[in-house]
Amino acid sequence: MRFCRSVAVVFSVLLGLGCAAAARAQAGVYLGFQATPLSGITCFDPQGQCSDNNGTAYPQGLLMGAYYDFRNVGPMRLGVDLRGGTLHSNKSASSSAGGNDATVLDDVLLGVKGSFRGPYFWLNPYVQMSAGYARSNATLPFGESLTTIAPLPRLEDNFIIYEGFVGTAVRLASWLDLRPIEFGIGNMNRFGNNGATQDGPSSIGVMSVGASVVVHMPKP
């Protein structure tokens, strides 16, 4: 009985500390749209007429994520952010072919986020550094597979991706923010071998622009 009471007391203390920490912390999820130009891609078309010219592909699509801001460091509120996206384009910078999923980019990134109080209480700019895993066929021309199965499968490369972001959050309600604009810049480095007979550069540039709606714990 004494043991049970001790466990109950310890549990109550831990629960109280957890609630106190949660009261100071800020957690939220967001959903939005992102366009991510991928640059430095080799065009393998014999006439140099890839469907996306200038060595850049422009996939765009869904952005989703979650964050947890947990402590103050000077004027900055420090937190962690987990995000992912699935982006598509019907054009390719490595081939003249086009159509559904001509260029695909799927990624997931974990990063450190710092937000600041702006000149108005409803405006909170932020910066973020993130890294993670990406999968894309952006550097591959169509038909570059070792298999003889017809139609030839569209292979994808594995990448390490790292990107820095800057944006601002506008408070719409105590539990709702709008991120009207966010910019990102970084790079993707390929690793592994997907079995393609021909492949583009192992490092490609990444830029992004996006917007999202954020639902979070109520702010005072």
C-alpha atoms as a PDB file:
ATOM      1  CA  MET A   1       0.000   0.000   0.000  1.00  0.00           C
ATOM      2  CA  ARG A   2       2.817   2.396   0.934  1.00  0.00           C
ATOM      3  CA  PHE A   3       4.528   1.535  -2.353  1.00  0.00           C
ATOM      4  CA  CYS A   4       1.335   2.313  -4.277  1.00  0.00           C
ATOM      5  CA  ARG A   5       0.983   5.654  -2.497  1.00  0.00           C
ATOM      6  CA  SER A   6       4.632   6.489  -3.262  1.00  0.00           C
ATOM      7  CA  VAL A   7       4.143   5.645  -6.930  1.00  0.00           C
ATOM      8  CA  ALA A   8       1.003   7.804  -6.984  1.00  0.00           C
ATOM      9  CA  VAL A   9       2.869  10.730  -5.435  1.00  0.00           C
ATOM     10  CA  VAL A  10       5.779  10.434  -7.874  1.00  0.00           C
ATOM     11  CA  PHE A  11       3.377  10.138 -10.793  1.00  0.00           C
ATOM     12  CA  SER A  12       1.467  13.213  -9.638  1.00  0.00           C
ATOM     13  CA  VAL A  13       4.685  15.230  -9.325  1.00  0.00           C
ATOM     14  CA  LEU A  14       5.870  14.172 -12.769  1.00  0.00           C
ATOM     15  CA  LEU A  15       2.462  14.914 -14.248  1.00  0.00           C
ATOM     16  CA  GLY A  16       2.497  18.357 -12.663  1.00  0.00           C
ATOM     17  CA  LEU A  17       5.969  19.081 -13.998  1.00  0.00           C
ATOM     18  CA  GLY A  18       4.925  17.862 -17.437  1.00  0.00           C
ATOM     19  CA  CYS A  19       1.862  20.105 -17.428  1.00  0.00           C
ATOM     20  CA  ALA A  20       3.966  23.087 -16.314  1.00  0.00           C
ATOM     21  CA  ALA A  21       6.453  22.435 -19.118  1.00  0.00           C
ATOM     22  CA  ALA A  22       3.624  22.052 -21.617  1.00  0.00           C
ATOM     23  CA  ALA A  23       2.189  25.375 -20.498  1.00  0.00           C
ATOM     24  CA  ARG A  24       5.433  27.099 -21.447  1.00  0.00           C
ATOM     25  CA  ALA A  25       5.945  25.094 -24.641  1.00  0.00           C
ATOM     26  CA  GLN A  26       4.247  25.587 -27.979  1.00  0.00           C
ATOM     27  CA  ALA A  27       3.337  22.764 -30.369  1.00  0.00           C
ATOM     28  CA  GLY A  28       1.560  22.865 -33.703  1.00  0.00           C
ATOM     29  CA  VAL A  29       0.990  21.255 -37.086  1.00  0.00           C
ATOM     30  CA  TYR A  30       0.855  22.873 -40.514  1.00  0.00           C
ATOM     31  CA  LEU A  31      -0.345  22.107 -44.015  1.00  0.00           C
ATOM     32  CA  GLY A  32       0.383  24.034 -47.170  1.00  0.00           C
ATOM     33  CA  PHE A  33       1.741  24.312 -50.709  1.00  0.00           C
ATOM     34  CA  GLN A  34       5.375  24.357 -51.823  1.00  0.00           C
ATOM     35  CA  ALA A  35       7.214  24.801 -55.114  1.00  0.00           C
ATOM     36  CA  THR A  36      10.818  23.570 -55.205  1.00  0.00           C
ATOM     37  CA  PRO A  37      13.000  24.326 -58.247  1.00  0.00           C
ATOM     38  CA  LEU A  38      15.810  21.757 -58.613  1.00  0.00           C
ATOM     39  CA  SER A  39      18.821  23.163 -60.481  1.00  0.00           C
ATOM     40  CA  GLY A  40      22.052  21.895 -62.037  1.00  0.00           C
ATOM     41  CA  ILE A  41      20.392  18.961 -63.849  1.00  0.00           C
ATOM     42  CA  THR A  42      21.940  17.537 -67.041  1.00  0.00           C
ATOM     43  CA  CYS A  43      19.724  17.446 -70.144  1.00  0.00           C
ATOM     44  CA  PHE A  44      20.295  14.133 -71.998  1.00  0.00           C
ATOM     45  CA  ASP A  45      18.124  14.889 -75.026  1.00  0.00           C
ATOM     46  CA  PRO A  46      20.280  14.621 -78.208  1.00  0.00           C
ATOM     47  CA  GLN A  47      18.916  17.967 -79.466  1.00  0.00           C
ATOM     48  CA  GLY A  48      19.161  19.554 -76.027  1.00  0.00           C
ATOM     49  CA  GLN A  49      15.395  20.088 -75.988  1.00  0.00           C
ATOM     50  CA  CYS A  50      14.334  18.863 -72.550  1.00  0.00           C
ATOM     51  CA  SER A  51      10.770  19.688 -71.542  1.00  0.00           C
ATOM     52  CA  ASP A  52      12.129  21.903 -68.733  1.00  0.00           C
ATOM     53  CA  ASN A  53      15.014  23.938 -70.115  1.00  0.00           C
ATOM     54  CA  ASN A  54      18.050  25.548 -68.438  1.00  0.00           C
ATOM     55  CA  GLY A  55      18.792  22.485 -66.281  1.00  0.00           C
ATOM     56  CA  THR A  56      16.032  23.234 -63.765  1.00  0.00           C
ATOM     57  CA  ALA A  57      12.911  21.234 -62.901  1.00  0.00           C
ATOM     58  CA  TYR A  58       9.952  22.739 -61.056  1.00  0.00           C
ATOM     59  CA  PRO A  59       8.045  20.170 -58.955  1.00  0.00           C
ATOM     60  CA  GLN A  60       5.331  21.498 -56.657  1.00  0.00           C
ATOM     61  CA  GLY A  61       2.748  20.109 -54.320  1.00  0.00           C
ATOM     62  CA  LEU A  62       1.809  19.333 -50.729  1.00  0.00           C
ATOM     63  CA  LEU A  63       3.800  20.449 -47.675  1.00  0.00           C
ATOM     64  CA  MET A  64       3.013  19.166 -44.172  1.00  0.00           C
ATOM     65  CA  GLY A  65       4.798  19.304 -40.848  1.00  0.00           C
ATOM     66  CA  ALA A  66       4.788  19.665 -37.079  1.00  0.00           C
ATOM     67  CA  TYR A  67       6.874  21.686 -34.637  1.00  0.00           C
ATOM     68  CA  TYR A  68       7.580  21.946 -30.932  1.00  0.00           C
ATOM     69  CA  ASP A  69       8.997  25.182 -29.488  1.00  0.00           C
ATOM     70  CA  PHE A  70      10.298  24.483 -25.995  1.00  0.00           C
ATOM     71  CA  ARG A  71      12.620  27.177 -24.646  1.00  0.00           C
ATOM     72  CA  ASN A  72      13.787  30.781 -24.896  1.00  0.00           C
ATOM     73  CA  VAL A  73      17.362  31.603 -25.907  1.00  0.00           C
ATOM     74  CA  GLY A  74      17.741  35.364 -25.629  1.00  0.00           C
ATOM     75  CA  PRO A  75      15.197  36.965 -27.973  1.00  0.00           C
ATOM     76  CA  MET A  76      14.675  33.667 -29.815  1.00  0.00           C
ATOM     77  CA  ARG A  77      12.170  30.900 -29.125  1.00  0.00           C
ATOM     78  CA  LEU A  78      13.954  27.613 -29.895  1.00  0.00           C
ATOM     79  CA  GLY A  79      12.211  24.526 -31.208  1.00  0.00           C
ATOM     80  CA  VAL A  80      12.353  21.481 -33.459  1.00  0.00           C
ATOM     81  CA  ASP A  81      10.495  21.002 -36.727  1.00  0.00           C
ATOM     82  CA  LEU A  82       9.620  17.870 -38.717  1.00  0.00           C
ATOM     83  CA  ARG A  83       8.328  18.368 -42.244  1.00  0.00           C
ATOM     84  CA  GLY A  84       7.715  16.421 -45.420  1.00  0.00           C
ATOM     85  CA  GLY A  85       6.446  17.001 -48.924  1.00  0.00           C
ATOM     86  CA  THR A  86       5.377  15.190 -52.063  1.00  0.00           C
ATOM     87  CA  LEU A  87       5.968  17.314 -55.181  1.00  0.00           C
ATOM     88  CA  HIS A  88       5.324  16.591 -58.854  1.00  0.00           C
ATOM     89  CA  SER A  89       5.840  18.129 -62.284  1.00  0.00           C
ATOM     90  CA  ASN A  90       4.746  16.994 -65.745  1.00  0.00           C
ATOM     91  CA  LYS A  91       8.038  18.221 -67.238  1.00  0.00           C
ATOM     92  CA  SER A  92      11.611  16.940 -66.957  1.00  0.00           C
ATOM     93  CA  ALA A  93      14.963  18.753 -67.032  1.00  0.00           C
ATOM     94  CA  SER A  94      16.799  15.548 -68.009  1.00  0.00           C
ATOM     95  CA  SER A  95      14.557  14.339 -70.849  1.00  0.00           C
ATOM     96  CA  SER A  96      12.310  15.703 -73.580  1.00  0.00           C
ATOM     97  CA  ALA A  97       9.483  13.449 -72.394  1.00  0.00           C
ATOM     98  CA  GLY A  98       6.674  14.718 -70.190  1.00  0.00           C
ATOM     99  CA  GLY A  99       3.486  13.589 -68.516  1.00  0.00           C
ATOM    100  CA  ASN A 100       2.387  12.608 -65.027  1.00  0.00           C
ATOM    101  CA  ASP A 101       5.288  12.337 -62.559  1.00  0.00           C
ATOM    102  CA  ALA A 102       7.910  13.307 -65.143  1.00  0.00           C
ATOM    103  CA  THR A 103       9.662  14.855 -62.140  1.00  0.00           C
ATOM    104  CA  VAL A 104       8.931  13.701 -58.595  1.00  0.00           C
ATOM    105  CA  LEU A 105      10.389  14.829 -55.266  1.00  0.00           C
ATOM    106  CA  ASP A 106       9.430  13.227 -51.953  1.00  0.00           C
ATOM    107  CA  ASP A 107      11.291  14.372 -48.836  1.00  0.00           C
ATOM    108  CA  VAL A 108      11.279  14.406 -45.048  1.00  0.00           C
ATOM    109  CA  LEU A 109      13.428  16.814 -43.008  1.00  0.00           C
ATOM    110  CA  LEU A 110      14.122  17.341 -39.324  1.00  0.00           C
ATOM    111  CA  GLY A 111      15.458  20.677 -38.193  1.00  0.00           C
ATOM    112  CA  VAL A 112      16.050  23.340 -35.571  1.00  0.00           C
ATOM    113  CA  LYS A 113      13.758  26.369 -35.681  1.00  0.00           C
ATOM    114  CA  GLY A 114      14.159  29.777 -34.092  1.00  0.00           C
ATOM    115  CA  SER A 115      11.212  32.186 -33.983  1.00  0.00           C
ATOM    116  CA  PHE A 116      11.198  35.827 -32.917  1.00  0.00           C
ATOM    117  CA  ARG A 117       8.632  38.341 -31.757  1.00  0.00           C
ATOM    118  CA  GLY A 118       8.122  40.894 -34.508  1.00  0.00           C
ATOM    119  CA  PRO A 119       7.317  44.597 -34.191  1.00  0.00           C
ATOM    120  CA  TYR A 120       3.671  43.594 -33.676  1.00  0.00           C
ATOM    121  CA  PHE A 121       2.398  40.838 -31.357  1.00  0.00           C
ATOM    122  CA  TRP A 122       0.697  39.084 -34.267  1.00  0.00           C
ATOM    123  CA  LEU A 123       3.850  38.888 -36.423  1.00  0.00           C
ATOM    124  CA  ASN A 124       6.504  36.223 -35.689  1.00  0.00           C
ATOM    125  CA  PRO A 125       9.380  35.770 -38.170  1.00  0.00           C
ATOM    126  CA  TYR A 126      11.406  32.563 -37.986  1.00  0.00           C
ATOM    127  CA  VAL A 127      14.526  30.891 -39.361  1.00  0.00           C
ATOM    128  CA  GLN A 128      15.204  27.181 -39.639  1.00  0.00           C
ATOM    129  CA  MET A 129      17.959  24.744 -40.596  1.00  0.00           C
ATOM    130  CA  SER A 130      16.868  21.249 -41.640  1.00  0.00           C
ATOM    131  CA  ALA A 131      18.342  18.068 -43.081  1.00  0.00           C
ATOM    132  CA  GLY A 132      16.920  14.708 -44.060  1.00  0.00           C
ATOM    133  CA  TYR A 133      16.138  12.233 -46.816  1.00  0.00           C
ATOM    134  CA  ALA A 134      14.783  12.840 -50.315  1.00  0.00           C
ATOM    135  CA  ARG A 135      13.833  10.603 -53.212  1.00  0.00           C
ATOM    136  CA  SER A 136      13.607  11.943 -56.760  1.00  0.00           C
ATOM    137  CA  ASN A 137      13.876  11.028 -60.438  1.00  0.00           C
ATOM    138  CA  ALA A 138      14.865  14.590 -61.382  1.00  0.00           C
ATOM    139  CA  THR A 139      18.370  13.711 -62.653  1.00  0.00           C
ATOM    140  CA  LEU A 140      17.334  10.594 -64.606  1.00  0.00           C
ATOM    141  CA  PRO A 141      16.259  10.534 -68.259  1.00  0.00           C
ATOM    142  CA  PHE A 142      13.382   8.243 -69.142  1.00  0.00           C
ATOM    143  CA  GLY A 143      14.174   4.601 -69.938  1.00  0.00           C
ATOM    144  CA  GLU A 144      17.531   4.442 -68.128  1.00  0.00           C
ATOM    145  CA  SER A 145      16.912   1.066 -66.479  1.00  0.00           C
ATOM    146  CA  LEU A 146      18.877  -2.178 -66.524  1.00  0.00           C
ATOM    147  CA  THR A 147      15.647  -4.160 -66.629  1.00  0.00           C
ATOM    148  CA  THR A 148      14.069  -5.325 -69.891  1.00  0.00           C
ATOM    149  CA  ILE A 149      10.519  -5.230 -68.552  1.00  0.00           C
ATOM    150  CA  ALA A 150       8.254  -3.145 -70.766  1.00  0.00           C
ATOM    151  CA  PRO A 151       7.299  -0.442 -70.148  1.00  0.00           C
ATOM    152  CA  LEU A 152      10.565   0.463 -68.470  1.00  0.00           C
ATOM    153  CA  PRO A 153      10.120   1.539 -64.839  1.00  0.00           C
ATOM    154  CA  ARG A 154      10.847   5.132 -63.853  1.00  0.00           C
ATOM    155  CA  LEU A 155      13.776   4.849 -61.442  1.00  0.00           C
ATOM    156  CA  GLU A 156      14.445   7.245 -58.563  1.00  0.00           C
ATOM    157  CA  ASP A 157      17.597   8.331 -56.740  1.00  0.00           C
ATOM    158  CA  ASN A 158      18.156   8.602 -52.993  1.00  0.00           C
ATOM    159  CA  PHE A 159      19.496  11.899 -51.660  1.00  0.00           C
ATOM    160  CA  ILE A 160      20.636  13.549 -48.475  1.00  0.00           C
ATOM    161  CA  ILE A 161      18.938  16.938 -48.466  1.00  0.00           C
ATOM    162  CA  TYR A 162      19.730  19.994 -46.364  1.00  0.00           C
ATOM    163  CA  GLU A 163      17.970  23.324 -46.556  1.00  0.00           C
ATOM    164  CA  GLY A 164      17.683  26.606 -44.690  1.00  0.00           C
ATOM    165  CA  PHE A 165      14.321  28.368 -44.410  1.00  0.00           C
ATOM    166  CA  VAL A 166      13.147  31.852 -43.518  1.00  0.00           C
ATOM    167  CA  GLY A 167       9.559  32.999 -43.190  1.00  0.00           C
ATOM    168  CA  THR A 168       7.005  34.665 -40.979  1.00  0.00           C
ATOM    169  CA  ALA A 169       3.866  33.605 -39.139  1.00  0.00           C
ATOM    170  CA  VAL A 170       0.848  35.901 -38.875  1.00  0.00           C
ATOM    171  CA  ARG A 171      -1.514  35.243 -35.983  1.00  0.00           C
ATOM    172  CA  LEU A 172      -5.139  34.894 -37.058  1.00  0.00           C
ATOM    173  CA  ALA A 173      -6.449  33.526 -33.743  1.00  0.00           C
ATOM    174  CA  SER A 174      -5.005  32.235 -30.469  1.00  0.00           C
ATOM    175  CA  TRP A 175      -4.793  28.757 -32.056  1.00  0.00           C
ATOM    176  CA  LEU A 176      -4.343  29.612 -35.747  1.00  0.00           C
ATOM    177  CA  ASP A 177      -1.495  31.178 -37.774  1.00  0.00           C
ATOM    178  CA  LEU A 178      -0.904  31.836 -41.438  1.00  0.00           C
ATOM    179  CA  ARG A 179       2.555  31.533 -42.962  1.00  0.00           C
ATOM    180  CA  PRO A 180       1.957  33.654 -46.077  1.00  0.00           C
ATOM    181  CA  ILE A 181       5.463  33.163 -47.468  1.00  0.00           C
ATOM    182  CA  GLU A 182       8.471  30.965 -46.751  1.00  0.00           C
ATOM    183  CA  PHE A 183      11.725  30.769 -48.696  1.00  0.00           C
ATOM    184  CA  GLY A 184      14.286  27.977 -48.619  1.00  0.00           C
ATOM    185  CA  ILE A 185      17.681  27.287 -50.165  1.00  0.00           C
ATOM    186  CA  GLY A 186      19.917  24.228 -49.945  1.00  0.00           C
ATOM    187  CA  ASN A 187      21.266  21.198 -51.762  1.00  0.00           C
ATOM    188  CA  MET A 188      20.688  17.491 -52.404  1.00  0.00           C
ATOM    189  CA  ASN A 189      23.524  14.920 -52.581  1.00  0.00           C
ATOM    190  CA  ARG A 190      22.857  11.507 -54.090  1.00  0.00           C
ATOM    191  CA  PHE A 191      23.918   8.302 -52.355  1.00  0.00           C
ATOM    192  CA  GLY A 192      23.671   4.667 -53.419  1.00  0.00           C
ATOM    193  CA  ASN A 193      23.049   3.195 -56.867  1.00  0.00           C
ATOM    194  CA  ASN A 194      19.599   2.670 -58.356  1.00  0.00           C
ATOM    195  CA  GLY A 195      20.802   0.559 -61.295  1.00  0.00           C
ATOM    196  CA  ALA A 196      20.310   3.206 -63.974  1.00  0.00           C
ATOM    197  CA  THR A 197      22.418   2.914 -67.111  1.00  0.00           C
ATOM    198  CA  GLN A 198      22.741   6.698 -67.282  1.00  0.00           C
ATOM    199  CA  ASP A 199      22.383   9.256 -64.508  1.00  0.00           C
ATOM    200  CA  GLY A 200      22.849  12.980 -63.988  1.00  0.00           C
ATOM    201  CA  PRO A 201      24.906  14.933 -61.445  1.00  0.00           C
ATOM    202  CA  SER A 202      25.184  13.632 -57.896  1.00  0.00           C
ATOM    203  CA  SER A 203      24.592  17.089 -56.398  1.00  0.00           C
ATOM    204  CA  ILE A 204      21.732  19.422 -57.337  1.00  0.00           C
ATOM    205  CA  GLY A 205      20.626  22.759 -55.965  1.00  0.00           C
ATOM    206  CA  VAL A 206      17.377  23.206 -54.079  1.00  0.00           C
ATOM    207  CA  MET A 207      15.275  26.327 -53.692  1.00  0.00           C
ATOM    208  CA  SER A 208      11.739  26.519 -52.379  1.00  0.00           C
ATOM    209  CA  VAL A 209       8.875  28.899 -51.852  1.00  0.00           C
ATOM    210  CA  GLY A 210       5.744  27.983 -49.941  1.00  0.00           C
ATOM    211  CA  ALA A 211       2.820  28.999 -47.789  1.00  0.00           C
ATOM    212  CA  SER A 212       0.900  27.133 -45.095  1.00  0.00           C
ATOM    213  CA  VAL A 213      -1.776  27.266 -42.404  1.00  0.00           C
ATOM    214  CA  VAL A 214      -0.689  26.430 -38.845  1.00  0.00           C
ATOM    215  CA  VAL A 215      -2.910  25.009 -36.091  1.00  0.00           C
ATOM    216  CA  HIS A 216      -1.255  25.120 -32.649  1.00  0.00           C
ATOM    217  CA  MET A 217      -1.793  25.200 -28.914  1.00  0.00           C
ATOM    218  CA  PRO A 218      -3.646  28.375 -27.887  1.00  0.00           C
ATOM    219  CA  LYS A 219      -1.453  31.401 -27.186  1.00  0.00           C
ATOM    220  CA  PRO A 220      -2.293  33.820 -24.382  1.00  0.00           C
END
